[in-house]
């Protein structure tokens, strides 16, 4: 299956997302902040990234923008997964390079459908 990088500073969210993805046979990589997420994406070249927004230091919008602008990582689809559910946040996330935007609390089926669509291109 796919290699998915989860970038989220919440241990609870990391655990929940890891459980969902591993049950589907995906390999999971994890980072608990934006800077580490960008570095890990550059190093490991995952098939997709699940990116939280609100994190200390480099936030998810900034990390998504760095991945989208870097020729080495621009082809890696980023799905923003966040509790920020305002339309302006969704528009801004897309402008930073995110392919999809999902709000928490997560519905497992919606996450898996979105991930499958992004991986299929």
PDB file of N, CA and C in Angstrom:
ATOM      1  N   UNK A   1       0.839  -1.192   0.000  1.00  0.00           N
ATOM      2  CA  UNK A   1       0.000   0.000   0.000  1.00  0.00           C
ATOM      3  C   UNK A   1       0.881   1.253   0.000  1.00  0.00           C
ATOM      4  N   UNK A   2       0.301   2.374   0.393  1.00  0.00           N
ATOM      5  CA  UNK A   2       1.001   3.659   0.307  1.00  0.00           C
ATOM      6  C   UNK A   2       1.791   3.972   1.580  1.00  0.00           C
ATOM      7  N   UNK A   3       2.753   4.868   1.413  1.00  0.00           N
ATOM      8  CA  UNK A   3       3.502   5.413   2.553  1.00  0.00           C
ATOM      9  C   UNK A   3       2.923   6.793   2.827  1.00  0.00           C
ATOM     10  N   UNK A   4       2.372   6.976   4.028  1.00  0.00           N
ATOM     11  CA  UNK A   4       1.691   8.213   4.384  1.00  0.00           C
ATOM     12  C   UNK A   4       2.424   8.879   5.541  1.00  0.00           C
ATOM     13  N   UNK A   5       2.723  10.168   5.365  1.00  0.00           N
ATOM     14  CA  UNK A   5       3.333  10.956   6.433  1.00  0.00           C
ATOM     15  C   UNK A   5       2.242  11.730   7.160  1.00  0.00           C
ATOM     16  N   UNK A   6       2.166  11.545   8.478  1.00  0.00           N
ATOM     17  CA  UNK A   6       1.231  12.308   9.308  1.00  0.00           C
ATOM     18  C   UNK A   6       2.039  13.375  10.039  1.00  0.00           C
ATOM     19  N   UNK A   7       1.612  14.637   9.912  1.00  0.00           N
ATOM     20  CA  UNK A   7       2.269  15.737  10.608  1.00  0.00           C
ATOM     21  C   UNK A   7       1.235  16.359  11.539  1.00  0.00           C
ATOM     22  N   UNK A   8       1.354  16.089  12.843  1.00  0.00           N
ATOM     23  CA  UNK A   8       0.374  16.570  13.821  1.00  0.00           C
ATOM     24  C   UNK A   8       1.042  16.596  15.190  1.00  0.00           C
ATOM     25  N   UNK A   9       0.838  17.679  15.939  1.00  0.00           N
ATOM     26  CA  UNK A   9       1.465  17.796  17.256  1.00  0.00           C
ATOM     27  C   UNK A   9       0.663  17.124  18.363  1.00  0.00           C
ATOM     28  N   UNK A  10      -0.506  16.585  18.061  1.00  0.00           N
ATOM     29  CA  UNK A  10      -1.333  15.916  19.065  1.00  0.00           C
ATOM     30  C   UNK A  10      -1.051  14.416  19.083  1.00  0.00           C
ATOM     31  N   UNK A  11      -0.521  13.892  20.209  1.00  0.00           N
ATOM     32  CA  UNK A  11      -0.290  12.442  20.284  1.00  0.00           C
ATOM     33  C   UNK A  11      -1.578  11.642  20.050  1.00  0.00           C
ATOM     34  N   UNK A  12      -2.703  12.162  20.516  1.00  0.00           N
ATOM     35  CA  UNK A  12      -3.984  11.483  20.328  1.00  0.00           C
ATOM     36  C   UNK A  12      -4.334  11.379  18.845  1.00  0.00           C
ATOM     37  N   UNK A  13      -4.199  12.485  18.115  1.00  0.00           N
ATOM     38  CA  UNK A  13      -4.505  12.484  16.678  1.00  0.00           C
ATOM     39  C   UNK A  13      -3.521  11.601  15.913  1.00  0.00           C
ATOM     40  N   UNK A  14      -2.235  11.671  16.275  1.00  0.00           N
ATOM     41  CA  UNK A  14      -1.240  10.808  15.630  1.00  0.00           C
ATOM     42  C   UNK A  14      -1.616   9.342  15.796  1.00  0.00           C
ATOM     43  N   UNK A  15      -2.009   8.968  17.009  1.00  0.00           N
ATOM     44  CA  UNK A  15      -2.382   7.581  17.296  1.00  0.00           C
ATOM     45  C   UNK A  15      -3.620   7.180  16.501  1.00  0.00           C
ATOM     46  N   UNK A  16      -4.634   8.050  16.504  1.00  0.00           N
ATOM     47  CA  UNK A  16      -5.879   7.741  15.809  1.00  0.00           C
ATOM     48  C   UNK A  16      -5.658   7.572  14.306  1.00  0.00           C
ATOM     49  N   UNK A  17      -4.949   8.526  13.702  1.00  0.00           N
ATOM     50  CA  UNK A  17      -4.681   8.459  12.263  1.00  0.00           C
ATOM     51  C   UNK A  17      -3.805   7.255  11.909  1.00  0.00           C
ATOM     52  N   UNK A  18      -2.801   6.989  12.736  1.00  0.00           N
ATOM     53  CA  UNK A  18      -1.929   5.833  12.508  1.00  0.00           C
ATOM     54  C   UNK A  18      -2.741   4.548  12.522  1.00  0.00           C
ATOM     55  N   UNK A  19      -3.635   4.408  13.504  1.00  0.00           N
ATOM     56  CA  UNK A  19      -4.470   3.214  13.621  1.00  0.00           C
ATOM     57  C   UNK A  19      -5.331   3.018  12.375  1.00  0.00           C
ATOM     58  N   UNK A  20      -5.984   4.090  11.928  1.00  0.00           N
ATOM     59  CA  UNK A  20      -6.849   4.015  10.739  1.00  0.00           C
ATOM     60  C   UNK A  20      -6.032   3.579   9.516  1.00  0.00           C
ATOM     61  N   UNK A  21      -4.889   4.216   9.306  1.00  0.00           N
ATOM     62  CA  UNK A  21      -4.083   3.946   8.112  1.00  0.00           C
ATOM     63  C   UNK A  21      -3.442   2.564   8.140  1.00  0.00           C
ATOM     64  N   UNK A  22      -2.919   2.161   9.299  1.00  0.00           N
ATOM     65  CA  UNK A  22      -2.265   0.850   9.387  1.00  0.00           C
ATOM     66  C   UNK A  22      -3.267  -0.285   9.216  1.00  0.00           C
ATOM     67  N   UNK A  23      -4.509  -0.096   9.679  1.00  0.00           N
ATOM     68  CA  UNK A  23      -5.539  -1.124   9.467  1.00  0.00           C
ATOM     69  C   UNK A  23      -5.843  -1.310   7.984  1.00  0.00           C
ATOM     70  N   UNK A  24      -5.586  -0.277   7.185  1.00  0.00           N
ATOM     71  CA  UNK A  24      -5.806  -0.357   5.736  1.00  0.00           C
ATOM     72  C   UNK A  24      -4.554  -0.847   4.992  1.00  0.00           C
ATOM     73  N   UNK A  25      -3.486  -1.145   5.751  1.00  0.00           N
ATOM     74  CA  UNK A  25      -2.271  -1.668   5.147  1.00  0.00           C
ATOM     75  C   UNK A  25      -1.248  -0.622   4.742  1.00  0.00           C
ATOM     76  N   UNK A  26      -1.487   0.636   5.088  1.00  0.00           N
ATOM     77  CA  UNK A  26      -0.537   1.689   4.732  1.00  0.00           C
ATOM     78  C   UNK A  26       0.638   1.704   5.701  1.00  0.00           C
ATOM     79  N   UNK A  27       1.792   2.146   5.204  1.00  0.00           N
ATOM     80  CA  UNK A  27       2.960   2.380   6.056  1.00  0.00           C
ATOM     81  C   UNK A  27       2.878   3.828   6.522  1.00  0.00           C
ATOM     82  N   UNK A  28       3.092   4.067   7.806  1.00  0.00           N
ATOM     83  CA  UNK A  28       2.932   5.405   8.369  1.00  0.00           C
ATOM     84  C   UNK A  28       4.273   5.964   8.835  1.00  0.00           C
ATOM     85  N   UNK A  29       4.524   7.207   8.445  1.00  0.00           N
ATOM     86  CA  UNK A  29       5.643   7.993   8.941  1.00  0.00           C
ATOM     87  C   UNK A  29       5.033   9.108   9.775  1.00  0.00           C
ATOM     88  N   UNK A  30       5.729   9.560  10.827  1.00  0.00           N
ATOM     89  CA  UNK A  30       5.143  10.569  11.716  1.00  0.00           C
ATOM     90  C   UNK A  30       6.120  11.686  12.030  1.00  0.00           C
ATOM     91  N   UNK A  31       5.557  12.892  12.121  1.00  0.00           N
ATOM     92  CA  UNK A  31       6.304  14.059  12.594  1.00  0.00           C
ATOM     93  C   UNK A  31       5.352  14.862  13.474  1.00  0.00           C
ATOM     94  N   UNK A  32       5.884  15.440  14.562  1.00  0.00           N
ATOM     95  CA  UNK A  32       4.996  16.161  15.480  1.00  0.00           C
ATOM     96  C   UNK A  32       5.099  17.679  15.359  1.00  0.00           C
ATOM     97  N   UNK A  33       5.724  18.163  14.265  1.00  0.00           N
ATOM     98  CA  UNK A  33       5.726  19.603  13.993  1.00  0.00           C
ATOM     99  C   UNK A  33       6.009  19.825  12.506  1.00  0.00           C
ATOM    100  N   UNK A  34       5.728  21.030  12.038  1.00  0.00           N
ATOM    101  CA  UNK A  34       5.848  21.325  10.616  1.00  0.00           C
ATOM    102  C   UNK A  34       7.260  21.197  10.063  1.00  0.00           C
ATOM    103  N   UNK A  35       8.239  21.708  10.813  1.00  0.00           N
ATOM    104  CA  UNK A  35       9.628  21.658  10.332  1.00  0.00           C
ATOM    105  C   UNK A  35      10.092  20.213  10.167  1.00  0.00           C
ATOM    106  N   UNK A  36       9.818  19.367  11.153  1.00  0.00           N
ATOM    107  CA  UNK A  36      10.207  17.957  11.049  1.00  0.00           C
ATOM    108  C   UNK A  36       9.434  17.271   9.920  1.00  0.00           C
ATOM    109  N   UNK A  37       8.168  17.663   9.729  1.00  0.00           N
ATOM    110  CA  UNK A  37       7.363  17.090   8.654  1.00  0.00           C
ATOM    111  C   UNK A  37       7.942  17.397   7.287  1.00  0.00           C
ATOM    112  N   UNK A  38       8.354  18.642   7.077  1.00  0.00           N
ATOM    113  CA  UNK A  38       8.959  19.038   5.801  1.00  0.00           C
ATOM    114  C   UNK A  38      10.261  18.261   5.589  1.00  0.00           C
ATOM    115  N   UNK A  39      11.092  18.187   6.624  1.00  0.00           N
ATOM    116  CA  UNK A  39      12.372  17.472   6.513  1.00  0.00           C
ATOM    117  C   UNK A  39      12.143  15.988   6.208  1.00  0.00           C
ATOM    118  N   UNK A  40      11.180  15.370   6.883  1.00  0.00           N
ATOM    119  CA  UNK A  40      10.895  13.952   6.671  1.00  0.00           C
ATOM    120  C   UNK A  40      10.322  13.710   5.270  1.00  0.00           C
ATOM    121  N   UNK A  41       9.488  14.620   4.798  1.00  0.00           N
ATOM    122  CA  UNK A  41       8.936  14.489   3.442  1.00  0.00           C
ATOM    123  C   UNK A  41      10.053  14.570   2.405  1.00  0.00           C
ATOM    124  N   UNK A  42      10.996  15.460   2.607  1.00  0.00           N
ATOM    125  CA  UNK A  42      12.121  15.593   1.672  1.00  0.00           C
ATOM    126  C   UNK A  42      12.990  14.336   1.683  1.00  0.00           C
ATOM    127  N   UNK A  43      13.178  13.771   2.869  1.00  0.00           N
ATOM    128  CA  UNK A  43      14.042  12.601   3.028  1.00  0.00           C
ATOM    129  C   UNK A  43      13.361  11.324   2.529  1.00  0.00           C
ATOM    130  N   UNK A  44      12.095  11.117   2.901  1.00  0.00           N
ATOM    131  CA  UNK A  44      11.426   9.837   2.661  1.00  0.00           C
ATOM    132  C   UNK A  44      10.538   9.799   1.414  1.00  0.00           C
ATOM    133  N   UNK A  45      10.150  10.956   0.880  1.00  0.00           N
ATOM    134  CA  UNK A  45       9.269  11.037  -0.295  1.00  0.00           C
ATOM    135  C   UNK A  45       8.018  10.151  -0.143  1.00  0.00           C
ATOM    136  N   UNK A  46       7.161  10.456   0.845  1.00  0.00           N
ATOM    137  CA  UNK A  46       5.950   9.640   1.040  1.00  0.00           C
ATOM    138  C   UNK A  46       4.989   9.810  -0.136  1.00  0.00           C
ATOM    139  N   UNK A  47       4.004   8.928  -0.207  1.00  0.00           N
ATOM    140  CA  UNK A  47       3.007   8.992  -1.277  1.00  0.00           C
ATOM    141  C   UNK A  47       1.982  10.101  -1.027  1.00  0.00           C
ATOM    142  N   UNK A  48       1.795  10.474   0.243  1.00  0.00           N
ATOM    143  CA  UNK A  48       0.874  11.560   0.606  1.00  0.00           C
ATOM    144  C   UNK A  48       1.215  12.038   2.013  1.00  0.00           C
ATOM    145  N   UNK A  49       0.740  13.253   2.324  1.00  0.00           N
ATOM    146  CA  UNK A  49       0.962  13.852   3.647  1.00  0.00           C
ATOM    147  C   UNK A  49      -0.385  14.269   4.223  1.00  0.00           C
ATOM    148  N   UNK A  50      -0.632  13.900   5.480  1.00  0.00           N
ATOM    149  CA  UNK A  50      -1.786  14.404   6.238  1.00  0.00           C
ATOM    150  C   UNK A  50      -1.233  15.476   7.163  1.00  0.00           C
ATOM    151  N   UNK A  51      -1.656  16.731   6.971  1.00  0.00           N
ATOM    152  CA  UNK A  51      -1.041  17.883   7.632  1.00  0.00           C
ATOM    153  C   UNK A  51      -2.027  18.617   8.537  1.00  0.00           C
ATOM    154  N   UNK A  52      -1.695  18.698   9.823  1.00  0.00           N
ATOM    155  CA  UNK A  52      -2.446  19.539  10.754  1.00  0.00           C
ATOM    156  C   UNK A  52      -2.047  20.992  10.478  1.00  0.00           C
ATOM    157  N   UNK A  53      -2.858  21.943  10.935  1.00  0.00           N
ATOM    158  CA  UNK A  53      -2.503  23.357  10.743  1.00  0.00           C
ATOM    159  C   UNK A  53      -1.877  23.953  11.990  1.00  0.00           C
ATOM    160  N   UNK A  54      -2.559  23.827  13.118  1.00  0.00           N
ATOM    161  CA  UNK A  54      -2.116  24.506  14.341  1.00  0.00           C
ATOM    162  C   UNK A  54      -1.046  23.667  15.037  1.00  0.00           C
ATOM    163  N   UNK A  55       0.210  24.107  14.854  1.00  0.00           N
ATOM    164  CA  UNK A  55       1.356  23.437  15.471  1.00  0.00           C
ATOM    165  C   UNK A  55       2.362  24.502  15.866  1.00  0.00           C
ATOM    166  N   UNK A  56       3.184  24.221  16.887  1.00  0.00           N
ATOM    167  CA  UNK A  56       4.209  25.195  17.276  1.00  0.00           C
ATOM    168  C   UNK A  56       5.264  25.334  16.188  1.00  0.00           C
ATOM    169  N   UNK A  57       5.872  26.509  16.126  1.00  0.00           N
ATOM    170  CA  UNK A  57       6.908  26.747  15.120  1.00  0.00           C
ATOM    171  C   UNK A  57       6.285  26.884  13.739  1.00  0.00           C
ATOM    172  N   UNK A  58       6.754  26.076  12.812  1.00  0.00           N
ATOM    173  CA  UNK A  58       6.254  26.088  11.439  1.00  0.00           C
ATOM    174  C   UNK A  58       4.852  25.474  11.430  1.00  0.00           C
ATOM    175  N   UNK A  59       3.835  26.288  11.095  1.00  0.00           N
ATOM    176  CA  UNK A  59       2.477  25.743  11.107  1.00  0.00           C
ATOM    177  C   UNK A  59       2.187  24.961   9.823  1.00  0.00           C
ATOM    178  N   UNK A  60       1.035  24.339   9.766  1.00  0.00           N
ATOM    179  CA  UNK A  60       0.697  23.492   8.630  1.00  0.00           C
ATOM    180  C   UNK A  60       0.573  24.229   7.314  1.00  0.00           C
ATOM    181  N   UNK A  61       0.072  25.478   7.349  1.00  0.00           N
ATOM    182  CA  UNK A  61       0.008  26.271   6.115  1.00  0.00           C
ATOM    183  C   UNK A  61       1.420  26.519   5.575  1.00  0.00           C
ATOM    184  N   UNK A  62       2.333  26.912   6.480  1.00  0.00           N
ATOM    185  CA  UNK A  62       3.709  27.198   6.073  1.00  0.00           C
ATOM    186  C   UNK A  62       4.407  25.936   5.568  1.00  0.00           C
ATOM    187  N   UNK A  63       4.205  24.828   6.261  1.00  0.00           N
ATOM    188  CA  UNK A  63       4.831  23.565   5.852  1.00  0.00           C
ATOM    189  C   UNK A  63       4.288  23.107   4.497  1.00  0.00           C
ATOM    190  N   UNK A  64       2.979  23.241   4.295  1.00  0.00           N
ATOM    191  CA  UNK A  64       2.373  22.862   3.019  1.00  0.00           C
ATOM    192  C   UNK A  64       2.948  23.699   1.888  1.00  0.00           C
ATOM    193  N   UNK A  65       3.084  25.008   2.118  1.00  0.00           N
ATOM    194  CA  UNK A  65       3.644  25.900   1.110  1.00  0.00           C
ATOM    195  C   UNK A  65       5.080  25.485   0.764  1.00  0.00           C
ATOM    196  N   UNK A  66       5.886  25.149   1.785  1.00  0.00           N
ATOM    197  CA  UNK A  66       7.272  24.730   1.519  1.00  0.00           C
ATOM    198  C   UNK A  66       7.311  23.465   0.676  1.00  0.00           C
ATOM    199  N   UNK A  67       6.455  22.504   0.995  1.00  0.00           N
ATOM    200  CA  UNK A  67       6.424  21.248   0.227  1.00  0.00           C
ATOM    201  C   UNK A  67       5.965  21.498  -1.209  1.00  0.00           C
ATOM    202  N   UNK A  68       4.959  22.352  -1.374  1.00  0.00           N
ATOM    203  CA  UNK A  68       4.406  22.622  -2.708  1.00  0.00           C
ATOM    204  C   UNK A  68       5.388  23.381  -3.602  1.00  0.00           C
ATOM    205  N   UNK A  69       6.224  24.229  -3.011  1.00  0.00           N
ATOM    206  CA  UNK A  69       7.137  25.052  -3.802  1.00  0.00           C
ATOM    207  C   UNK A  69       8.475  24.354  -4.091  1.00  0.00           C
ATOM    208  N   UNK A  70       8.767  23.289  -3.365  1.00  0.00           N
ATOM    209  CA  UNK A  70      10.035  22.582  -3.528  1.00  0.00           C
ATOM    210  C   UNK A  70       9.896  21.545  -4.654  1.00  0.00           C
ATOM    211  N   UNK A  71      10.714  21.652  -5.720  1.00  0.00           N
ATOM    212  CA  UNK A  71      10.606  20.690  -6.830  1.00  0.00           C
ATOM    213  C   UNK A  71      10.744  19.230  -6.383  1.00  0.00           C
ATOM    214  N   UNK A  72      11.476  18.989  -5.286  1.00  0.00           N
ATOM    215  CA  UNK A  72      11.668  17.625  -4.790  1.00  0.00           C
ATOM    216  C   UNK A  72      10.403  17.047  -4.170  1.00  0.00           C
ATOM    217  N   UNK A  73       9.524  17.914  -3.653  1.00  0.00           N
ATOM    218  CA  UNK A  73       8.338  17.424  -2.923  1.00  0.00           C
ATOM    219  C   UNK A  73       7.018  17.928  -3.503  1.00  0.00           C
ATOM    220  N   UNK A  74       7.069  18.721  -4.554  1.00  0.00           N
ATOM    221  CA  UNK A  74       5.831  19.334  -5.069  1.00  0.00           C
ATOM    222  C   UNK A  74       4.819  18.322  -5.603  1.00  0.00           C
ATOM    223  N   UNK A  75       5.271  17.142  -5.982  1.00  0.00           N
ATOM    224  CA  UNK A  75       4.352  16.117  -6.498  1.00  0.00           C
ATOM    225  C   UNK A  75       3.665  15.326  -5.380  1.00  0.00           C
ATOM    226  N   UNK A  76       4.121  15.497  -4.141  1.00  0.00           N
ATOM    227  CA  UNK A  76       3.519  14.769  -3.014  1.00  0.00           C
ATOM    228  C   UNK A  76       2.227  15.480  -2.614  1.00  0.00           C
ATOM    229  N   UNK A  77       1.080  14.804  -2.716  1.00  0.00           N
ATOM    230  CA  UNK A  77      -0.169  15.468  -2.349  1.00  0.00           C
ATOM    231  C   UNK A  77      -0.280  15.671  -0.832  1.00  0.00           C
ATOM    232  N   UNK A  78      -0.706  16.873  -0.453  1.00  0.00           N
ATOM    233  CA  UNK A  78      -0.927  17.204   0.955  1.00  0.00           C
ATOM    234  C   UNK A  78      -2.426  17.317   1.194  1.00  0.00           C
ATOM    235  N   UNK A  79      -2.888  16.620   2.218  1.00  0.00           N
ATOM    236  CA  UNK A  79      -4.272  16.725   2.673  1.00  0.00           C
ATOM    237  C   UNK A  79      -4.223  17.398   4.039  1.00  0.00           C
ATOM    238  N   UNK A  80      -4.827  18.563   4.150  1.00  0.00           N
ATOM    239  CA  UNK A  80      -4.880  19.230   5.445  1.00  0.00           C
ATOM    240  C   UNK A  80      -5.977  18.570   6.278  1.00  0.00           C
ATOM    241  N   UNK A  81      -5.615  18.202   7.509  1.00  0.00           N
ATOM    242  CA  UNK A  81      -6.548  17.574   8.444  1.00  0.00           C
ATOM    243  C   UNK A  81      -6.529  18.426   9.706  1.00  0.00           C
ATOM    244  N   UNK A  82      -7.611  19.186   9.935  1.00  0.00           N
ATOM    245  CA  UNK A  82      -7.577  20.193  10.996  1.00  0.00           C
ATOM    246  C   UNK A  82      -8.955  20.438  11.594  1.00  0.00           C
ATOM    247  N   UNK A  83      -8.965  21.045  12.761  1.00  0.00           N
ATOM    248  CA  UNK A  83     -10.223  21.466  13.379  1.00  0.00           C
ATOM    249  C   UNK A  83     -10.666  22.832  12.853  1.00  0.00           C
ATOM    250  N   UNK A  84      -9.798  23.523  12.120  1.00  0.00           N
ATOM    251  CA  UNK A  84     -10.139  24.848  11.575  1.00  0.00           C
ATOM    252  C   UNK A  84     -11.095  24.653  10.404  1.00  0.00           C
ATOM    253  N   UNK A  85     -12.355  25.032  10.610  1.00  0.00           N
ATOM    254  CA  UNK A  85     -13.363  24.718   9.598  1.00  0.00           C
ATOM    255  C   UNK A  85     -13.965  25.937   8.904  1.00  0.00           C
ATOM    256  N   UNK A  86     -13.301  27.077   8.991  1.00  0.00           N
ATOM    257  CA  UNK A  86     -13.799  28.272   8.314  1.00  0.00           C
ATOM    258  C   UNK A  86     -13.481  28.192   6.812  1.00  0.00           C
ATOM    259  N   UNK A  87     -14.360  28.734   5.996  1.00  0.00           N
ATOM    260  CA  UNK A  87     -14.147  28.714   4.543  1.00  0.00           C
ATOM    261  C   UNK A  87     -12.843  29.414   4.160  1.00  0.00           C
ATOM    262  N   UNK A  88     -12.507  30.490   4.877  1.00  0.00           N
ATOM    263  CA  UNK A  88     -11.257  31.203   4.573  1.00  0.00           C
ATOM    264  C   UNK A  88     -10.041  30.316   4.811  1.00  0.00           C
ATOM    265  N   UNK A  89     -10.104  29.454   5.830  1.00  0.00           N
ATOM    266  CA  UNK A  89      -9.001  28.524   6.092  1.00  0.00           C
ATOM    267  C   UNK A  89      -8.870  27.528   4.944  1.00  0.00           C
ATOM    268  N   UNK A  90      -9.996  27.033   4.462  1.00  0.00           N
ATOM    269  CA  UNK A  90      -9.980  26.062   3.352  1.00  0.00           C
ATOM    270  C   UNK A  90      -9.385  26.693   2.093  1.00  0.00           C
ATOM    271  N   UNK A  91      -9.813  27.921   1.790  1.00  0.00           N
ATOM    272  CA  UNK A  91      -9.292  28.620   0.615  1.00  0.00           C
ATOM    273  C   UNK A  91      -7.784  28.849   0.773  1.00  0.00           C
ATOM    274  N   UNK A  92      -7.377  29.301   1.954  1.00  0.00           N
ATOM    275  CA  UNK A  92      -5.966  29.569   2.198  1.00  0.00           C
ATOM    276  C   UNK A  92      -5.147  28.279   2.095  1.00  0.00           C
ATOM    277  N   UNK A  93      -5.659  27.178   2.635  1.00  0.00           N
ATOM    278  CA  UNK A  93      -4.953  25.898   2.551  1.00  0.00           C
ATOM    279  C   UNK A  93      -4.735  25.471   1.112  1.00  0.00           C
ATOM    280  N   UNK A  94      -5.755  25.642   0.287  1.00  0.00           N
ATOM    281  CA  UNK A  94      -5.647  25.298  -1.130  1.00  0.00           C
ATOM    282  C   UNK A  94      -4.625  26.198  -1.819  1.00  0.00           C
ATOM    283  N   UNK A  95      -4.630  27.457  -1.470  1.00  0.00           N
ATOM    284  CA  UNK A  95      -3.656  28.386  -2.063  1.00  0.00           C
ATOM    285  C   UNK A  95      -2.220  28.046  -1.676  1.00  0.00           C
ATOM    286  N   UNK A  96      -2.054  27.399  -0.523  1.00  0.00           N
ATOM    287  CA  UNK A  96      -0.703  27.014  -0.083  1.00  0.00           C
ATOM    288  C   UNK A  96      -0.229  25.746  -0.791  1.00  0.00           C
ATOM    289  N   UNK A  97      -1.163  25.057  -1.477  1.00  0.00           N
ATOM    290  CA  UNK A  97      -0.768  23.869  -2.228  1.00  0.00           C
ATOM    291  C   UNK A  97      -1.444  22.583  -1.792  1.00  0.00           C
ATOM    292  N   UNK A  98      -2.322  22.638  -0.796  1.00  0.00           N
ATOM    293  CA  UNK A  98      -3.012  21.415  -0.355  1.00  0.00           C
ATOM    294  C   UNK A  98      -3.973  20.933  -1.448  1.00  0.00           C
ATOM    295  N   UNK A  99      -4.029  19.623  -1.629  1.00  0.00           N
ATOM    296  CA  UNK A  99      -4.944  19.051  -2.624  1.00  0.00           C
ATOM    297  C   UNK A  99      -6.348  18.896  -2.050  1.00  0.00           C
ATOM    298  N   UNK A 100      -6.428  18.599  -0.749  1.00  0.00           N
ATOM    299  CA  UNK A 100      -7.724  18.402  -0.085  1.00  0.00           C
ATOM    300  C   UNK A 100      -7.662  19.006   1.306  1.00  0.00           C
ATOM    301  N   UNK A 101      -8.843  19.162   1.918  1.00  0.00           N
ATOM    302  CA  UNK A 101      -8.958  19.792   3.232  1.00  0.00           C
ATOM    303  C   UNK A 101     -10.059  19.045   3.981  1.00  0.00           C
ATOM    304  N   UNK A 102      -9.731  18.398   5.078  1.00  0.00           N
ATOM    305  CA  UNK A 102     -10.688  17.634   5.878  1.00  0.00           C
ATOM    306  C   UNK A 102     -10.701  18.231   7.288  1.00  0.00           C
ATOM    307  N   UNK A 103     -11.905  18.369   7.842  1.00  0.00           N
ATOM    308  CA  UNK A 103     -11.984  18.922   9.200  1.00  0.00           C
ATOM    309  C   UNK A 103     -12.198  17.816  10.238  1.00  0.00           C
ATOM    310  N   UNK A 104     -11.642  18.067  11.426  1.00  0.00           N
ATOM    311  CA  UNK A 104     -11.817  17.190  12.584  1.00  0.00           C
ATOM    312  C   UNK A 104     -13.099  17.614  13.291  1.00  0.00           C
ATOM    313  N   UNK A 105     -13.791  16.735  13.969  1.00  0.00           N
ATOM    314  CA  UNK A 105     -13.435  15.329  14.156  1.00  0.00           C
ATOM    315  C   UNK A 105     -13.578  14.541  12.860  1.00  0.00           C
ATOM    316  N   UNK A 106     -12.633  13.641  12.659  1.00  0.00           N
ATOM    317  CA  UNK A 106     -12.559  12.867  11.423  1.00  0.00           C
ATOM    318  C   UNK A 106     -13.655  11.821  11.333  1.00  0.00           C
ATOM    319  N   UNK A 107     -14.141  11.651  10.131  1.00  0.00           N
ATOM    320  CA  UNK A 107     -14.999  10.511   9.822  1.00  0.00           C
ATOM    321  C   UNK A 107     -14.113   9.589   9.008  1.00  0.00           C
ATOM    322  N   UNK A 108     -13.853   8.383   9.539  1.00  0.00           N
ATOM    323  CA  UNK A 108     -12.874   7.473   8.942  1.00  0.00           C
ATOM    324  C   UNK A 108     -13.139   7.219   7.455  1.00  0.00           C
ATOM    325  N   UNK A 109     -14.372   6.973   7.086  1.00  0.00           N
ATOM    326  CA  UNK A 109     -14.704   6.700   5.692  1.00  0.00           C
ATOM    327  C   UNK A 109     -14.352   7.866   4.784  1.00  0.00           C
ATOM    328  N   UNK A 110     -14.654   9.076   5.244  1.00  0.00           N
ATOM    329  CA  UNK A 110     -14.341  10.270   4.442  1.00  0.00           C
ATOM    330  C   UNK A 110     -12.832  10.419   4.273  1.00  0.00           C
ATOM    331  N   UNK A 111     -12.083  10.167   5.330  1.00  0.00           N
ATOM    332  CA  UNK A 111     -10.622  10.247   5.241  1.00  0.00           C
ATOM    333  C   UNK A 111     -10.099   9.237   4.221  1.00  0.00           C
ATOM    334  N   UNK A 112     -10.571   8.001   4.301  1.00  0.00           N
ATOM    335  CA  UNK A 112     -10.070   6.960   3.403  1.00  0.00           C
ATOM    336  C   UNK A 112     -10.467   7.221   1.952  1.00  0.00           C
ATOM    337  N   UNK A 113     -11.678   7.724   1.731  1.00  0.00           N
ATOM    338  CA  UNK A 113     -12.104   8.060   0.364  1.00  0.00           C
ATOM    339  C   UNK A 113     -11.256   9.194  -0.204  1.00  0.00           C
ATOM    340  N   UNK A 114     -11.022  10.218   0.615  1.00  0.00           N
ATOM    341  CA  UNK A 114     -10.209  11.365   0.170  1.00  0.00           C
ATOM    342  C   UNK A 114      -8.780  10.924  -0.126  1.00  0.00           C
ATOM    343  N   UNK A 115      -8.227  10.108   0.752  1.00  0.00           N
ATOM    344  CA  UNK A 115      -6.868   9.630   0.560  1.00  0.00           C
ATOM    345  C   UNK A 115      -6.772   8.790  -0.717  1.00  0.00           C
ATOM    346  N   UNK A 116      -7.732   7.891  -0.943  1.00  0.00           N
ATOM    347  CA  UNK A 116      -7.725   7.052  -2.149  1.00  0.00           C
ATOM    348  C   UNK A 116      -7.807   7.917  -3.410  1.00  0.00           C
ATOM    349  N   UNK A 117      -8.633   8.950  -3.373  1.00  0.00           N
ATOM    350  CA  UNK A 117      -8.784   9.839  -4.541  1.00  0.00           C
ATOM    351  C   UNK A 117      -7.481  10.590  -4.821  1.00  0.00           C
ATOM    352  N   UNK A 118      -6.841  11.080  -3.773  1.00  0.00           N
ATOM    353  CA  UNK A 118      -5.589  11.826  -3.930  1.00  0.00           C
ATOM    354  C   UNK A 118      -4.475  10.904  -4.441  1.00  0.00           C
ATOM    355  N   UNK A 119      -4.417   9.683  -3.906  1.00  0.00           N
ATOM    356  CA  UNK A 119      -3.386   8.741  -4.340  1.00  0.00           C
ATOM    357  C   UNK A 119      -3.597   8.309  -5.792  1.00  0.00           C
ATOM    358  N   UNK A 120      -4.853   8.277  -6.222  1.00  0.00           N
ATOM    359  CA  UNK A 120      -5.164   7.872  -7.599  1.00  0.00           C
ATOM    360  C   UNK A 120      -4.848   8.994  -8.596  1.00  0.00           C
ATOM    361  N   UNK A 121      -4.638  10.194  -8.071  1.00  0.00           N
ATOM    362  CA  UNK A 121      -4.300  11.320  -8.941  1.00  0.00           C
ATOM    363  C   UNK A 121      -5.514  12.068  -9.361  1.00  0.00           C
TER     364      UNK A 121
END
